[in-house]
Amino acid sequence: MYKAVIFDFDGLILDTETLHVEIFQEMFNDHKIEFPYSEWIQNIGTKNKLSIFDLLDRELKTEKVDREIWKHQNQQKFNERVSVLQARPGIIEYLEAAKKSGLRIGLASSSTYKWVTTHLKTLNLIDYFETIRTSDDVEFVKPHPALYKMAVEDLGVSPSECLAFEDSANGATAALEAGLTCVIVPNSTTLHLEFPKVNHRLNSMNDLPFSKLLYRLKIN
Protein backbone atom coordinates (compact mmCIF):
# COMPACT_ATOMS: atom_id res chain seq x y z
CA MET A 1 0.00 0.00 0.00
CA TYR A 2 2.59 2.54 1.05
CA LYS A 3 5.66 3.19 -1.05
CA ALA A 4 7.09 6.16 0.86
CA VAL A 5 7.20 7.92 4.21
CA ILE A 6 7.78 11.61 4.90
CA PHE A 7 8.87 12.89 8.27
CA ASP A 8 8.57 16.33 9.82
CA PHE A 9 11.68 17.52 11.66
CA ASP A 10 11.27 19.97 14.56
CA GLY A 11 9.34 18.39 17.39
CA LEU A 12 9.08 15.02 15.67
CA ILE A 13 12.66 13.90 15.05
CA LEU A 14 14.35 16.35 17.43
CA ASP A 15 12.22 18.08 20.04
CA THR A 16 13.55 21.57 19.54
CA GLU A 17 10.02 22.90 20.05
CA THR A 18 9.82 21.94 23.71
CA LEU A 19 13.36 23.23 24.22
CA HIS A 20 12.42 26.62 22.75
CA VAL A 21 9.30 26.82 24.91
CA GLU A 22 11.35 26.00 28.01
CA ILE A 23 13.79 28.84 27.24
CA PHE A 24 11.02 31.31 26.40
CA GLN A 25 9.24 30.48 29.67
CA GLU A 26 12.46 31.22 31.54
CA MET A 27 12.76 34.58 29.78
CA PHE A 28 9.20 35.54 30.74
CA ASN A 29 9.80 34.35 34.31
CA ASP A 30 12.87 36.58 34.50
CA HIS A 31 10.57 39.50 33.71
CA LYS A 32 8.07 38.22 36.29
CA ILE A 33 5.25 37.81 33.79
CA GLU A 34 3.36 34.79 32.54
CA PHE A 35 4.38 33.18 29.26
CA PRO A 36 1.39 33.15 26.82
CA TYR A 37 1.80 29.41 26.28
CA SER A 38 -1.54 28.62 24.66
CA GLU A 39 -1.09 31.43 22.12
CA TRP A 40 2.51 30.59 21.26
CA ILE A 41 1.97 26.89 20.61
CA GLN A 42 -0.59 27.68 17.90
CA ASN A 43 2.38 28.83 15.78
CA ILE A 44 4.26 25.54 16.08
CA GLY A 45 4.88 23.89 12.73
CA THR A 46 4.58 27.10 10.73
CA LYS A 47 6.20 30.53 10.47
CA ASN A 48 5.36 32.60 13.52
CA LYS A 49 3.17 35.64 12.89
CA LEU A 50 4.65 37.29 15.98
CA SER A 51 8.14 36.89 17.33
CA ILE A 52 8.60 35.88 20.95
CA PHE A 53 9.89 39.39 21.60
CA ASP A 54 6.73 40.96 20.17
CA LEU A 55 4.80 38.93 22.71
CA LEU A 56 7.18 39.90 25.50
CA ASP A 57 6.87 43.61 24.64
CA ARG A 58 3.09 43.26 24.54
CA GLU A 59 2.92 41.62 27.95
CA LEU A 60 5.34 44.08 29.56
CA LYS A 61 3.28 47.03 28.24
CA THR A 62 5.28 49.78 29.96
CA GLU A 63 8.79 48.91 28.80
CA LYS A 64 10.61 47.54 25.78
CA VAL A 65 13.14 44.74 26.04
CA ASP A 66 16.65 44.86 24.63
CA ARG A 67 16.05 42.21 21.98
CA GLU A 68 19.68 41.73 21.03
CA ILE A 69 20.71 40.92 24.60
CA TRP A 70 17.89 38.44 25.09
CA LYS A 71 18.39 36.87 21.66
CA HIS A 72 22.02 36.28 22.57
CA GLN A 73 21.15 34.80 25.98
CA ASN A 74 18.44 32.59 24.56
CA GLN A 75 20.70 31.38 21.75
CA GLN A 76 23.43 30.51 24.24
CA LYS A 77 20.97 28.46 26.29
CA PHE A 78 19.65 26.73 23.19
CA ASN A 79 23.09 25.85 21.86
CA GLU A 80 24.13 24.36 25.19
CA ARG A 81 21.00 22.27 25.60
CA VAL A 82 20.45 21.13 22.01
CA SER A 83 23.99 19.76 21.89
CA VAL A 84 22.98 16.97 24.26
CA LEU A 85 19.46 16.48 22.88
CA GLN A 86 18.84 13.07 21.31
CA ALA A 87 16.38 12.03 18.62
CA ARG A 88 12.95 11.29 20.02
CA PRO A 89 12.34 7.68 21.13
CA GLY A 90 11.62 5.29 18.28
CA ILE A 91 12.68 7.63 15.47
CA ILE A 92 15.80 5.69 14.54
CA GLU A 93 13.92 2.38 14.69
CA TYR A 94 11.18 3.76 12.40
CA LEU A 95 13.70 5.12 9.90
CA GLU A 96 15.56 1.83 9.86
CA ALA A 97 12.35 -0.19 9.52
CA ALA A 98 11.14 1.99 6.64
CA LYS A 99 14.49 1.58 4.91
CA LYS A 100 14.48 -2.20 5.35
CA SER A 101 10.92 -2.34 4.04
CA GLY A 102 12.06 -0.71 0.83
CA LEU A 103 10.06 2.46 1.38
CA ARG A 104 11.40 5.73 0.02
CA ILE A 105 12.04 8.29 2.76
CA GLY A 106 11.66 12.06 2.65
CA LEU A 107 11.44 15.03 4.99
CA ALA A 108 9.22 18.13 4.88
CA SER A 109 9.90 20.98 7.31
CA SER A 110 8.81 24.59 7.75
CA SER A 111 12.33 25.37 9.01
CA THR A 112 15.28 26.26 6.79
CA TYR A 113 17.44 23.74 4.95
CA LYS A 114 20.54 24.76 6.89
CA TRP A 115 18.76 24.32 10.23
CA VAL A 116 17.39 20.89 9.39
CA THR A 117 20.49 19.45 7.77
CA THR A 118 22.83 20.75 10.47
CA HIS A 119 20.89 18.87 13.14
CA LEU A 120 20.37 15.77 11.01
CA LYS A 121 24.13 15.55 10.48
CA THR A 122 24.74 15.92 14.22
CA LEU A 123 22.28 13.08 14.85
CA ASN A 124 23.84 10.97 12.05
CA LEU A 125 20.44 10.64 10.38
CA ILE A 126 20.79 12.66 7.19
CA ASP A 127 21.66 9.66 4.99
CA TYR A 128 18.20 8.15 5.52
CA PHE A 129 16.52 10.89 3.48
CA GLU A 130 16.26 10.88 -0.31
CA THR A 131 14.72 14.35 -0.36
CA ILE A 132 14.58 17.20 2.15
CA ARG A 133 12.11 19.99 1.44
CA THR A 134 12.15 23.10 3.63
CA SER A 135 10.96 26.70 3.81
CA ASP A 136 13.71 27.58 1.33
CA ASP A 137 11.73 25.76 -1.38
CA VAL A 138 8.25 27.23 -1.03
CA GLU A 139 6.38 30.49 -0.75
CA PHE A 140 4.00 29.11 1.87
CA VAL A 141 4.98 26.67 4.64
CA LYS A 142 2.68 24.42 6.66
CA PRO A 143 -0.32 24.35 7.08
CA HIS A 144 -0.14 24.95 3.31
CA PRO A 145 0.38 21.57 1.57
CA ALA A 146 3.16 22.75 -0.80
CA LEU A 147 6.05 21.15 1.12
CA TYR A 148 4.38 17.75 1.14
CA LYS A 149 3.39 17.98 -2.51
CA MET A 150 6.99 18.71 -3.48
CA ALA A 151 8.39 15.89 -1.33
CA VAL A 152 5.88 13.40 -2.74
CA GLU A 153 6.80 14.40 -6.28
CA ASP A 154 10.51 14.04 -5.46
CA LEU A 155 9.92 10.49 -4.24
CA GLY A 156 8.03 9.51 -7.37
CA VAL A 157 4.90 8.27 -5.62
CA SER A 158 1.29 9.37 -5.41
CA PRO A 159 0.02 11.06 -2.22
CA SER A 160 -2.18 8.04 -1.44
CA GLU A 161 0.95 5.87 -1.40
CA CYS A 162 2.70 8.07 1.12
CA LEU A 163 2.62 8.13 4.92
CA ALA A 164 3.41 11.32 6.86
CA PHE A 165 4.59 11.62 10.45
CA GLU A 166 3.85 14.88 12.23
CA ASP A 167 3.83 16.32 15.74
CA SER A 168 1.92 19.58 15.16
CA ALA A 169 -1.58 20.57 14.07
CA ASN A 170 -0.22 22.80 11.30
CA GLY A 171 1.91 19.96 10.00
CA ALA A 172 -0.92 17.44 10.13
CA THR A 173 -3.20 19.84 8.25
CA ALA A 174 -0.56 20.23 5.52
CA ALA A 175 -0.11 16.46 5.13
CA LEU A 176 -3.84 15.79 4.96
CA GLU A 177 -4.42 18.65 2.49
CA ALA A 178 -1.74 17.14 0.27
CA GLY A 179 -3.62 13.81 0.31
CA LEU A 180 -1.26 11.80 2.51
CA THR A 181 -2.10 9.39 5.31
CA CYS A 182 -1.06 11.17 8.50
CA VAL A 183 0.11 9.76 11.83
CA ILE A 184 0.71 12.24 14.63
CA VAL A 185 3.27 11.72 17.36
CA PRO A 186 2.89 14.79 19.61
CA ASN A 187 5.67 15.87 21.93
CA SER A 188 5.16 17.23 25.44
CA THR A 189 4.41 20.69 24.02
CA THR A 190 2.18 19.86 21.03
CA LEU A 191 0.33 17.26 23.11
CA HIS A 192 -2.06 20.06 24.11
CA LEU A 193 -2.97 21.15 20.58
CA GLU A 194 -6.27 20.43 18.87
CA PHE A 195 -5.47 18.27 15.84
CA PRO A 196 -7.46 17.67 12.67
CA LYS A 197 -8.83 14.16 12.23
CA VAL A 198 -5.77 12.10 11.37
CA ASN A 199 -5.37 8.42 10.53
CA HIS A 200 -3.58 7.40 13.73
CA ARG A 201 -2.07 8.86 16.88
CA LEU A 202 0.92 7.62 18.87
CA ASN A 203 2.26 8.97 22.12
CA SER A 204 5.66 7.69 21.08
CA MET A 205 7.06 5.63 18.22
CA ASN A 206 8.27 3.29 20.93
CA ASP A 207 4.63 2.41 21.62
CA LEU A 208 4.15 0.49 18.37
CA PRO A 209 6.64 -1.12 15.97
CA PHE A 210 6.59 0.30 12.44
CA SER A 211 5.35 -2.97 10.92
CA LYS A 212 2.40 -3.12 13.31
CA LEU A 213 1.53 0.49 12.58
CA LEU A 214 1.39 -0.29 8.86
CA TYR A 215 -0.90 -3.24 9.61
CA ARG A 216 -3.27 -1.11 11.68
CA LEU A 217 -3.44 1.52 8.97
CA LYS A 218 -4.19 -1.18 6.40
CA ILE A 219 -7.13 -2.64 8.29
CA ASN A 220 -8.66 0.68 9.39
C-alpha atoms as a PDB file:
ATOM      1  CA  MET A   1       0.000   0.000   0.000  1.00  0.00           C
ATOM      2  CA  TYR A   2       2.592   2.539   1.052  1.00  0.00           C
ATOM      3  CA  LYS A   3       5.659   3.193  -1.051  1.00  0.00           C
ATOM      4  CA  ALA A   4       7.090   6.156   0.860  1.00  0.00           C
ATOM      5  CA  VAL A   5       7.196   7.923   4.210  1.00  0.00           C
ATOM      6  CA  ILE A   6       7.777  11.609   4.896  1.00  0.00           C
ATOM      7  CA  PHE A   7       8.868  12.891   8.273  1.00  0.00           C
ATOM      8  CA  ASP A   8       8.567  16.328   9.822  1.00  0.00           C
ATOM      9  CA  PHE A   9      11.677  17.521  11.664  1.00  0.00           C
ATOM     10  CA  ASP A  10      11.271  19.974  14.564  1.00  0.00           C
ATOM     11  CA  GLY A  11       9.339  18.390  17.394  1.00  0.00           C
ATOM     12  CA  LEU A  12       9.078  15.021  15.670  1.00  0.00           C
ATOM     13  CA  ILE A  13      12.656  13.896  15.051  1.00  0.00           C
ATOM     14  CA  LEU A  14      14.349  16.348  17.433  1.00  0.00           C
ATOM     15  CA  ASP A  15      12.218  18.077  20.037  1.00  0.00           C
ATOM     16  CA  THR A  16      13.554  21.572  19.538  1.00  0.00           C
ATOM     17  CA  GLU A  17      10.021  22.900  20.047  1.00  0.00           C
ATOM     18  CA  THR A  18       9.819  21.943  23.713  1.00  0.00           C
ATOM     19  CA  LEU A  19      13.359  23.233  24.217  1.00  0.00           C
ATOM     20  CA  HIS A  20      12.417  26.618  22.749  1.00  0.00           C
ATOM     21  CA  VAL A  21       9.302  26.821  24.908  1.00  0.00           C
ATOM     22  CA  GLU A  22      11.349  26.001  28.006  1.00  0.00           C
ATOM     23  CA  ILE A  23      13.794  28.836  27.237  1.00  0.00           C
ATOM     24  CA  PHE A  24      11.022  31.309  26.402  1.00  0.00           C
ATOM     25  CA  GLN A  25       9.241  30.483  29.667  1.00  0.00           C
ATOM     26  CA  GLU A  26      12.461  31.218  31.541  1.00  0.00           C
ATOM     27  CA  MET A  27      12.755  34.581  29.783  1.00  0.00           C
ATOM     28  CA  PHE A  28       9.203  35.539  30.743  1.00  0.00           C
ATOM     29  CA  ASN A  29       9.800  34.351  34.311  1.00  0.00           C
ATOM     30  CA  ASP A  30      12.874  36.583  34.496  1.00  0.00           C
ATOM     31  CA  HIS A  31      10.565  39.503  33.708  1.00  0.00           C
ATOM     32  CA  LYS A  32       8.065  38.218  36.294  1.00  0.00           C
ATOM     33  CA  ILE A  33       5.249  37.813  33.786  1.00  0.00           C
ATOM     34  CA  GLU A  34       3.357  34.788  32.540  1.00  0.00           C
ATOM     35  CA  PHE A  35       4.378  33.183  29.262  1.00  0.00           C
ATOM     36  CA  PRO A  36       1.387  33.145  26.822  1.00  0.00           C
ATOM     37  CA  TYR A  37       1.799  29.414  26.278  1.00  0.00           C
ATOM     38  CA  SER A  38      -1.538  28.623  24.657  1.00  0.00           C
ATOM     39  CA  GLU A  39      -1.087  31.434  22.122  1.00  0.00           C
ATOM     40  CA  TRP A  40       2.510  30.589  21.262  1.00  0.00           C
ATOM     41  CA  ILE A  41       1.970  26.892  20.609  1.00  0.00           C
ATOM     42  CA  GLN A  42      -0.591  27.680  17.896  1.00  0.00           C
ATOM     43  CA  ASN A  43       2.381  28.829  15.784  1.00  0.00           C
ATOM     44  CA  ILE A  44       4.261  25.541  16.076  1.00  0.00           C
ATOM     45  CA  GLY A  45       4.881  23.888  12.729  1.00  0.00           C
ATOM     46  CA  THR A  46       4.581  27.102  10.732  1.00  0.00           C
ATOM     47  CA  LYS A  47       6.205  30.530  10.470  1.00  0.00           C
ATOM     48  CA  ASN A  48       5.364  32.603  13.518  1.00  0.00           C
ATOM     49  CA  LYS A  49       3.175  35.637  12.890  1.00  0.00           C
ATOM     50  CA  LEU A  50       4.646  37.293  15.979  1.00  0.00           C
ATOM     51  CA  SER A  51       8.145  36.887  17.326  1.00  0.00           C
ATOM     52  CA  ILE A  52       8.599  35.882  20.948  1.00  0.00           C
ATOM     53  CA  PHE A  53       9.892  39.394  21.602  1.00  0.00           C
ATOM     54  CA  ASP A  54       6.734  40.960  20.172  1.00  0.00           C
ATOM     55  CA  LEU A  55       4.799  38.933  22.713  1.00  0.00           C
ATOM     56  CA  LEU A  56       7.181  39.901  25.504  1.00  0.00           C
ATOM     57  CA  ASP A  57       6.867  43.614  24.637  1.00  0.00           C
ATOM     58  CA  ARG A  58       3.092  43.263  24.540  1.00  0.00           C
ATOM     59  CA  GLU A  59       2.918  41.618  27.954  1.00  0.00           C
ATOM     60  CA  LEU A  60       5.339  44.084  29.558  1.00  0.00           C
ATOM     61  CA  LYS A  61       3.277  47.032  28.238  1.00  0.00           C
ATOM     62  CA  THR A  62       5.276  49.783  29.958  1.00  0.00           C
ATOM     63  CA  GLU A  63       8.792  48.910  28.797  1.00  0.00           C
ATOM     64  CA  LYS A  64      10.612  47.537  25.784  1.00  0.00           C
ATOM     65  CA  VAL A  65      13.140  44.744  26.045  1.00  0.00           C
ATOM     66  CA  ASP A  66      16.647  44.865  24.626  1.00  0.00           C
ATOM     67  CA  ARG A  67      16.053  42.214  21.977  1.00  0.00           C
ATOM     68  CA  GLU A  68      19.682  41.725  21.029  1.00  0.00           C
ATOM     69  CA  ILE A  69      20.712  40.919  24.604  1.00  0.00           C
ATOM     70  CA  TRP A  70      17.886  38.443  25.090  1.00  0.00           C
ATOM     71  CA  LYS A  71      18.391  36.873  21.662  1.00  0.00           C
ATOM     72  CA  HIS A  72      22.021  36.277  22.572  1.00  0.00           C
ATOM     73  CA  GLN A  73      21.154  34.802  25.976  1.00  0.00           C
ATOM     74  CA  ASN A  74      18.441  32.586  24.557  1.00  0.00           C
ATOM     75  CA  GLN A  75      20.702  31.376  21.746  1.00  0.00           C
ATOM     76  CA  GLN A  76      23.425  30.510  24.243  1.00  0.00           C
ATOM     77  CA  LYS A  77      20.974  28.456  26.293  1.00  0.00           C
ATOM     78  CA  PHE A  78      19.646  26.733  23.193  1.00  0.00           C
ATOM     79  CA  ASN A  79      23.094  25.852  21.859  1.00  0.00           C
ATOM     80  CA  GLU A  80      24.127  24.359  25.191  1.00  0.00           C
ATOM     81  CA  ARG A  81      20.999  22.267  25.597  1.00  0.00           C
ATOM     82  CA  VAL A  82      20.453  21.134  22.010  1.00  0.00           C
ATOM     83  CA  SER A  83      23.991  19.759  21.885  1.00  0.00           C
ATOM     84  CA  VAL A  84      22.979  16.968  24.261  1.00  0.00           C
ATOM     85  CA  LEU A  85      19.460  16.480  22.881  1.00  0.00           C
ATOM     86  CA  GLN A  86      18.840  13.072  21.310  1.00  0.00           C
ATOM     87  CA  ALA A  87      16.382  12.025  18.616  1.00  0.00           C
ATOM     88  CA  ARG A  88      12.950  11.292  20.021  1.00  0.00           C
ATOM     89  CA  PRO A  89      12.338   7.682  21.128  1.00  0.00           C
ATOM     90  CA  GLY A  90      11.617   5.291  18.280  1.00  0.00           C
ATOM     91  CA  ILE A  91      12.677   7.634  15.466  1.00  0.00           C
ATOM     92  CA  ILE A  92      15.803   5.692  14.543  1.00  0.00           C
ATOM     93  CA  GLU A  93      13.916   2.383  14.692  1.00  0.00           C
ATOM     94  CA  TYR A  94      11.176   3.762  12.400  1.00  0.00           C
ATOM     95  CA  LEU A  95      13.695   5.121   9.899  1.00  0.00           C
ATOM     96  CA  GLU A  96      15.561   1.825   9.864  1.00  0.00           C
ATOM     97  CA  ALA A  97      12.346  -0.192   9.517  1.00  0.00           C
ATOM     98  CA  ALA A  98      11.139   1.991   6.643  1.00  0.00           C
ATOM     99  CA  LYS A  99      14.492   1.580   4.910  1.00  0.00           C
ATOM    100  CA  LYS A 100      14.480  -2.204   5.352  1.00  0.00           C
ATOM    101  CA  SER A 101      10.917  -2.344   4.043  1.00  0.00           C
ATOM    102  CA  GLY A 102      12.062  -0.712   0.826  1.00  0.00           C
ATOM    103  CA  LEU A 103      10.060   2.465   1.377  1.00  0.00           C
ATOM    104  CA  ARG A 104      11.399   5.728   0.016  1.00  0.00           C
ATOM    105  CA  ILE A 105      12.040   8.290   2.755  1.00  0.00           C
ATOM    106  CA  GLY A 106      11.660  12.060   2.651  1.00  0.00           C
ATOM    107  CA  LEU A 107      11.435  15.027   4.988  1.00  0.00           C
ATOM    108  CA  ALA A 108       9.225  18.130   4.881  1.00  0.00           C
ATOM    109  CA  SER A 109       9.895  20.975   7.310  1.00  0.00           C
ATOM    110  CA  SER A 110       8.811  24.593   7.751  1.00  0.00           C
ATOM    111  CA  SER A 111      12.328  25.367   9.005  1.00  0.00           C
ATOM    112  CA  THR A 112      15.283  26.263   6.788  1.00  0.00           C
ATOM    113  CA  TYR A 113      17.440  23.735   4.953  1.00  0.00           C
ATOM    114  CA  LYS A 114      20.541  24.762   6.891  1.00  0.00           C
ATOM    115  CA  TRP A 115      18.762  24.322  10.235  1.00  0.00           C
ATOM    116  CA  VAL A 116      17.386  20.891   9.386  1.00  0.00           C
ATOM    117  CA  THR A 117      20.492  19.450   7.766  1.00  0.00           C
ATOM    118  CA  THR A 118      22.832  20.749  10.474  1.00  0.00           C
ATOM    119  CA  HIS A 119      20.894  18.875  13.145  1.00  0.00           C
ATOM    120  CA  LEU A 120      20.372  15.773  11.006  1.00  0.00           C
ATOM    121  CA  LYS A 121      24.131  15.549  10.478  1.00  0.00           C
ATOM    122  CA  THR A 122      24.737  15.919  14.219  1.00  0.00           C
ATOM    123  CA  LEU A 123      22.281  13.077  14.847  1.00  0.00           C
ATOM    124  CA  ASN A 124      23.844  10.970  12.054  1.00  0.00           C
ATOM    125  CA  LEU A 125      20.436  10.643  10.378  1.00  0.00           C
ATOM    126  CA  ILE A 126      20.788  12.657   7.187  1.00  0.00           C
ATOM    127  CA  ASP A 127      21.660   9.664   4.985  1.00  0.00           C
ATOM    128  CA  TYR A 128      18.200   8.154   5.521  1.00  0.00           C
ATOM    129  CA  PHE A 129      16.521  10.887   3.478  1.00  0.00           C
ATOM    130  CA  GLU A 130      16.261  10.884  -0.314  1.00  0.00           C
ATOM    131  CA  THR A 131      14.724  14.346  -0.357  1.00  0.00           C
ATOM    132  CA  ILE A 132      14.578  17.200   2.154  1.00  0.00           C
ATOM    133  CA  ARG A 133      12.110  19.988   1.440  1.00  0.00           C
ATOM    134  CA  THR A 134      12.154  23.102   3.627  1.00  0.00           C
ATOM    135  CA  SER A 135      10.960  26.705   3.811  1.00  0.00           C
ATOM    136  CA  ASP A 136      13.710  27.584   1.330  1.00  0.00           C
ATOM    137  CA  ASP A 137      11.735  25.756  -1.380  1.00  0.00           C
ATOM    138  CA  VAL A 138       8.247  27.226  -1.032  1.00  0.00           C
ATOM    139  CA  GLU A 139       6.382  30.490  -0.747  1.00  0.00           C
ATOM    140  CA  PHE A 140       4.003  29.111   1.873  1.00  0.00           C
ATOM    141  CA  VAL A 141       4.981  26.674   4.635  1.00  0.00           C
ATOM    142  CA  LYS A 142       2.682  24.420   6.660  1.00  0.00           C
ATOM    143  CA  PRO A 143      -0.315  24.346   7.079  1.00  0.00           C
ATOM    144  CA  HIS A 144      -0.137  24.951   3.313  1.00  0.00           C
ATOM    145  CA  PRO A 145       0.382  21.573   1.566  1.00  0.00           C
ATOM    146  CA  ALA A 146       3.161  22.751  -0.800  1.00  0.00           C
ATOM    147  CA  LEU A 147       6.048  21.151   1.122  1.00  0.00           C
ATOM    148  CA  TYR A 148       4.381  17.753   1.138  1.00  0.00           C
ATOM    149  CA  LYS A 149       3.392  17.983  -2.509  1.00  0.00           C
ATOM    150  CA  MET A 150       6.988  18.707  -3.480  1.00  0.00           C
ATOM    151  CA  ALA A 151       8.393  15.895  -1.326  1.00  0.00           C
ATOM    152  CA  VAL A 152       5.881  13.400  -2.740  1.00  0.00           C
ATOM    153  CA  GLU A 153       6.800  14.397  -6.283  1.00  0.00           C
ATOM    154  CA  ASP A 154      10.514  14.036  -5.461  1.00  0.00           C
ATOM    155  CA  LEU A 155       9.917  10.494  -4.241  1.00  0.00           C
ATOM    156  CA  GLY A 156       8.032   9.513  -7.373  1.00  0.00           C
ATOM    157  CA  VAL A 157       4.895   8.268  -5.622  1.00  0.00           C
ATOM    158  CA  SER A 158       1.289   9.368  -5.410  1.00  0.00           C
ATOM    159  CA  PRO A 159       0.018  11.059  -2.225  1.00  0.00           C
ATOM    160  CA  SER A 160      -2.179   8.040  -1.444  1.00  0.00           C
ATOM    161  CA  GLU A 161       0.954   5.866  -1.403  1.00  0.00           C
ATOM    162  CA  CYS A 162       2.702   8.075   1.122  1.00  0.00           C
ATOM    163  CA  LEU A 163       2.617   8.129   4.925  1.00  0.00           C
ATOM    164  CA  ALA A 164       3.413  11.323   6.856  1.00  0.00           C
ATOM    165  CA  PHE A 165       4.589  11.619  10.447  1.00  0.00           C
ATOM    166  CA  GLU A 166       3.848  14.878  12.233  1.00  0.00           C
ATOM    167  CA  ASP A 167       3.828  16.324  15.739  1.00  0.00           C
ATOM    168  CA  SER A 168       1.916  19.584  15.157  1.00  0.00           C
ATOM    169  CA  ALA A 169      -1.578  20.572  14.073  1.00  0.00           C
ATOM    170  CA  ASN A 170      -0.219  22.805  11.300  1.00  0.00           C
ATOM    171  CA  GLY A 171       1.910  19.958  10.000  1.00  0.00           C
ATOM    172  CA  ALA A 172      -0.924  17.443  10.133  1.00  0.00           C
ATOM    173  CA  THR A 173      -3.197  19.836   8.249  1.00  0.00           C
ATOM    174  CA  ALA A 174      -0.564  20.226   5.516  1.00  0.00           C
ATOM    175  CA  ALA A 175      -0.108  16.464   5.135  1.00  0.00           C
ATOM    176  CA  LEU A 176      -3.840  15.788   4.955  1.00  0.00           C
ATOM    177  CA  GLU A 177      -4.419  18.651   2.491  1.00  0.00           C
ATOM    178  CA  ALA A 178      -1.740  17.135   0.271  1.00  0.00           C
ATOM    179  CA  GLY A 179      -3.623  13.811   0.306  1.00  0.00           C
ATOM    180  CA  LEU A 180      -1.264  11.796   2.514  1.00  0.00           C
ATOM    181  CA  THR A 181      -2.097   9.393   5.310  1.00  0.00           C
ATOM    182  CA  CYS A 182      -1.058  11.168   8.503  1.00  0.00           C
ATOM    183  CA  VAL A 183       0.110   9.764  11.828  1.00  0.00           C
ATOM    184  CA  ILE A 184       0.707  12.243  14.626  1.00  0.00           C
ATOM    185  CA  VAL A 185       3.268  11.722  17.364  1.00  0.00           C
ATOM    186  CA  PRO A 186       2.891  14.792  19.608  1.00  0.00           C
ATOM    187  CA  ASN A 187       5.674  15.872  21.932  1.00  0.00           C
ATOM    188  CA  SER A 188       5.163  17.231  25.445  1.00  0.00           C
ATOM    189  CA  THR A 189       4.413  20.690  24.016  1.00  0.00           C
ATOM    190  CA  THR A 190       2.180  19.860  21.034  1.00  0.00           C
ATOM    191  CA  LEU A 191       0.331  17.264  23.109  1.00  0.00           C
ATOM    192  CA  HIS A 192      -2.055  20.064  24.108  1.00  0.00           C
ATOM    193  CA  LEU A 193      -2.967  21.152  20.577  1.00  0.00           C
ATOM    194  CA  GLU A 194      -6.272  20.428  18.869  1.00  0.00           C
ATOM    195  CA  PHE A 195      -5.472  18.275  15.842  1.00  0.00           C
ATOM    196  CA  PRO A 196      -7.456  17.673  12.669  1.00  0.00           C
ATOM    197  CA  LYS A 197      -8.829  14.164  12.230  1.00  0.00           C
ATOM    198  CA  VAL A 198      -5.768  12.097  11.373  1.00  0.00           C
ATOM    199  CA  ASN A 199      -5.368   8.417  10.531  1.00  0.00           C
ATOM    200  CA  HIS A 200      -3.576   7.397  13.725  1.00  0.00           C
ATOM    201  CA  ARG A 201      -2.072   8.859  16.881  1.00  0.00           C
ATOM    202  CA  LEU A 202       0.920   7.619  18.868  1.00  0.00           C
ATOM    203  CA  ASN A 203       2.261   8.968  22.122  1.00  0.00           C
ATOM    204  CA  SER A 204       5.664   7.688  21.077  1.00  0.00           C
ATOM    205  CA  MET A 205       7.056   5.625  18.221  1.00  0.00           C
ATOM    206  CA  ASN A 206       8.269   3.292  20.934  1.00  0.00           C
ATOM    207  CA  ASP A 207       4.634   2.415  21.621  1.00  0.00           C
ATOM    208  CA  LEU A 208       4.149   0.493  18.372  1.00  0.00           C
ATOM    209  CA  PRO A 209       6.642  -1.124  15.970  1.00  0.00           C
ATOM    210  CA  PHE A 210       6.589   0.302  12.444  1.00  0.00           C
ATOM    211  CA  SER A 211       5.348  -2.970  10.924  1.00  0.00           C
ATOM    212  CA  LYS A 212       2.396  -3.120  13.313  1.00  0.00           C
ATOM    213  CA  LEU A 213       1.526   0.495  12.584  1.00  0.00           C
ATOM    214  CA  LEU A 214       1.388  -0.293   8.865  1.00  0.00           C
ATOM    215  CA  TYR A 215      -0.896  -3.243   9.608  1.00  0.00           C
ATOM    216  CA  ARG A 216      -3.268  -1.107  11.676  1.00  0.00           C
ATOM    217  CA  LEU A 217      -3.441   1.517   8.970  1.00  0.00           C
ATOM    218  CA  LYS A 218      -4.187  -1.176   6.399  1.00  0.00           C
ATOM    219  CA  ILE A 219      -7.134  -2.637   8.287  1.00  0.00           C
ATOM    220  CA  ASN A 220      -8.656   0.680   9.393  1.00  0.00           C
END
